[in-house]
Amino acid sequence: KAELARARMLEDAEKMRGQLAKALNEEKGSFSELAKPLGLEVHSTGLFTKDSALENVPDAAQFKQACFATPEGQLTPLLAYPEGVIFGLVQKREPGNLDNFEKEKESLRVQLLARKKEDLLNAWYGRLRFEAKLEDKTRGAGV
């Protein structure tokens, strides 16, 4: 029964998403105005980056990935969670600031190189421990 109810909920949500997308395409009002009669809760995230924290989103990483993959002015696909479903409208994209990138490029390169070195060292150390035939002689020796 629970699976059937969940499937029905997803089907209903997809229908509402379709109705909302159609109304938006026909420019019949704003996202908030069009969503309210459908009983949908509307929350605005404002502009965000891939590294931004998002509140009121069950899986922010998945939601951000969907938003960045969705063209401007369109609705993201439905994302299903145990609490319900979520989708968003990608209203605006702003390109990154290349001036800041140029200033930070060397610092980012150093950070990435350090992270790569640490990852390689950790992998090497993990293999070394795995392949080592070490015996703990301190157990039972009163130590």
Protein backbone atom coordinates (compact mmCIF):
# COMPACT_ATOMS: atom_id res chain seq x y z
CA LYS A 1 0.00 0.00 0.00
CA ALA A 2 2.80 2.41 0.86
CA GLU A 3 4.46 1.85 -2.52
CA LEU A 4 1.16 2.44 -4.29
CA ALA A 5 0.53 5.65 -2.33
CA ARG A 6 4.05 6.86 -3.10
CA ALA A 7 3.62 6.10 -6.81
CA ARG A 8 0.33 8.01 -6.78
CA MET A 9 1.97 10.96 -5.00
CA LEU A 10 4.76 11.06 -7.60
CA GLU A 11 2.23 10.88 -10.43
CA ASP A 12 0.20 13.74 -8.93
CA ALA A 13 3.34 15.81 -8.38
CA GLU A 14 4.43 15.28 -11.99
CA LYS A 15 0.98 16.42 -13.19
CA MET A 16 1.20 19.58 -11.05
CA ARG A 17 4.72 20.21 -12.31
CA GLY A 18 3.44 19.88 -15.89
CA GLN A 19 0.56 22.29 -15.24
CA LEU A 20 2.94 24.78 -13.67
CA ALA A 21 5.42 24.49 -16.57
CA LYS A 22 2.63 25.06 -19.09
CA ALA A 23 1.33 28.12 -17.23
CA LEU A 24 4.84 29.53 -16.94
CA ASN A 25 5.43 29.03 -20.67
CA GLU A 26 2.18 30.86 -21.39
CA GLU A 27 3.31 33.64 -19.02
CA LYS A 28 0.13 33.49 -16.95
CA GLY A 29 1.84 34.75 -13.80
CA SER A 30 4.81 34.35 -11.50
CA PHE A 31 6.01 31.02 -10.18
CA SER A 32 4.66 31.80 -6.69
CA GLU A 33 1.26 32.96 -7.97
CA LEU A 34 0.86 29.88 -10.14
CA ALA A 35 2.06 27.39 -7.51
CA LYS A 36 -0.25 28.48 -4.67
CA PRO A 37 -3.55 27.31 -6.23
CA LEU A 38 -1.91 23.91 -6.77
CA GLY A 39 -1.19 23.68 -3.03
CA LEU A 40 2.57 23.85 -3.49
CA GLU A 41 4.89 25.44 -0.95
CA VAL A 42 7.24 27.95 -2.50
CA HIS A 43 10.65 28.81 -1.05
CA SER A 44 13.27 30.97 -2.70
CA THR A 45 16.93 30.05 -2.53
CA GLY A 46 18.23 33.20 -4.16
CA LEU A 47 21.40 32.92 -6.19
CA PHE A 48 23.70 30.10 -5.09
CA THR A 49 26.90 28.41 -6.15
CA LYS A 50 27.82 24.74 -6.19
CA ASP A 51 29.50 25.25 -2.81
CA SER A 52 26.64 27.23 -1.20
CA ALA A 53 24.65 25.81 1.67
CA LEU A 54 20.91 25.57 1.02
CA GLU A 55 18.37 25.41 3.83
CA ASN A 56 15.01 23.63 3.66
CA VAL A 57 16.27 21.24 0.97
CA PRO A 58 16.47 17.53 1.95
CA ASP A 59 19.42 16.74 -0.35
CA ALA A 60 21.00 20.05 -1.31
CA ALA A 61 23.72 18.43 -3.44
CA GLN A 62 21.17 16.61 -5.61
CA PHE A 63 18.98 19.70 -5.87
CA LYS A 64 21.91 21.93 -6.88
CA GLN A 65 23.00 19.35 -9.46
CA ALA A 66 19.49 19.37 -10.95
CA CYS A 67 19.43 23.18 -10.99
CA PHE A 68 22.80 23.48 -12.73
CA ALA A 69 21.71 20.92 -15.33
CA THR A 70 18.42 22.73 -16.05
CA PRO A 71 18.30 25.60 -18.56
CA GLU A 72 17.40 29.07 -17.33
CA GLY A 73 13.65 29.67 -17.17
CA GLN A 74 12.75 25.98 -16.88
CA LEU A 75 11.67 23.67 -14.09
CA THR A 76 14.04 21.04 -12.71
CA PRO A 77 12.97 17.41 -12.77
CA LEU A 78 11.10 16.08 -9.74
CA LEU A 79 13.34 14.95 -6.92
CA ALA A 80 11.69 12.43 -4.60
CA TYR A 81 12.50 12.12 -0.90
CA PRO A 82 10.83 10.25 1.96
CA GLU A 83 9.29 13.58 3.06
CA GLY A 84 7.83 14.29 -0.39
CA VAL A 85 8.99 15.76 -3.67
CA ILE A 86 10.76 18.94 -4.65
CA PHE A 87 11.46 20.77 -7.87
CA GLY A 88 12.63 24.23 -8.70
CA LEU A 89 12.49 26.98 -11.28
CA VAL A 90 15.86 28.16 -12.54
CA GLN A 91 15.14 31.87 -12.78
CA LYS A 92 18.56 33.38 -13.35
CA ARG A 93 22.17 32.41 -13.93
CA GLU A 94 25.08 34.71 -13.38
CA PRO A 95 28.49 33.88 -14.82
CA GLY A 96 31.37 33.56 -12.41
CA ASN A 97 33.70 36.48 -11.88
CA LEU A 98 36.85 35.83 -13.91
CA ASP A 99 38.73 38.62 -12.13
CA ASN A 100 38.35 36.74 -8.84
CA PHE A 101 39.37 33.50 -10.54
CA GLU A 102 42.58 35.03 -11.87
CA LYS A 103 43.39 36.33 -8.38
CA GLU A 104 42.67 32.99 -6.74
CA LYS A 105 43.98 30.65 -9.45
CA GLU A 106 47.43 30.08 -7.92
CA SER A 107 45.98 29.55 -4.45
CA LEU A 108 43.48 27.04 -5.87
CA ARG A 109 46.25 25.25 -7.75
CA VAL A 110 48.31 24.92 -4.55
CA GLN A 111 45.27 23.67 -2.58
CA LEU A 112 44.36 21.10 -5.24
CA LEU A 113 47.95 19.90 -5.49
CA ALA A 114 48.15 19.51 -1.70
CA ARG A 115 44.84 17.59 -1.69
CA LYS A 116 46.08 15.32 -4.49
CA LYS A 117 49.32 14.63 -2.60
CA GLU A 118 47.37 13.83 0.56
CA ASP A 119 45.03 11.49 -1.35
CA LEU A 120 47.98 9.65 -2.91
CA LEU A 121 49.75 9.37 0.45
CA ASN A 122 46.59 8.07 2.14
CA ALA A 123 46.05 5.51 -0.65
CA TRP A 124 49.69 4.37 -0.39
CA TYR A 125 49.47 4.13 3.41
CA GLY A 126 46.20 2.20 3.17
CA ARG A 127 47.74 -0.30 0.74
CA LEU A 128 50.82 -0.60 2.94
CA ARG A 129 48.70 -1.41 6.03
CA PHE A 130 46.53 -3.84 4.05
CA GLU A 131 49.50 -5.73 2.63
CA ALA A 132 51.53 -5.72 5.87
CA LYS A 133 51.55 -8.88 7.91
CA LEU A 134 51.60 -7.22 11.32
CA GLU A 135 50.83 -9.08 14.52
CA ASP A 136 49.85 -7.41 17.80
CA LYS A 137 52.12 -9.01 20.39
CA THR A 138 50.99 -6.66 23.17
CA ARG A 139 47.65 -8.42 23.67
CA GLY A 140 47.66 -10.74 26.61
CA ALA A 141 51.14 -9.57 27.63
CA GLY A 142 49.83 -7.47 30.50
CA VAL A 143 50.47 -4.22 28.70
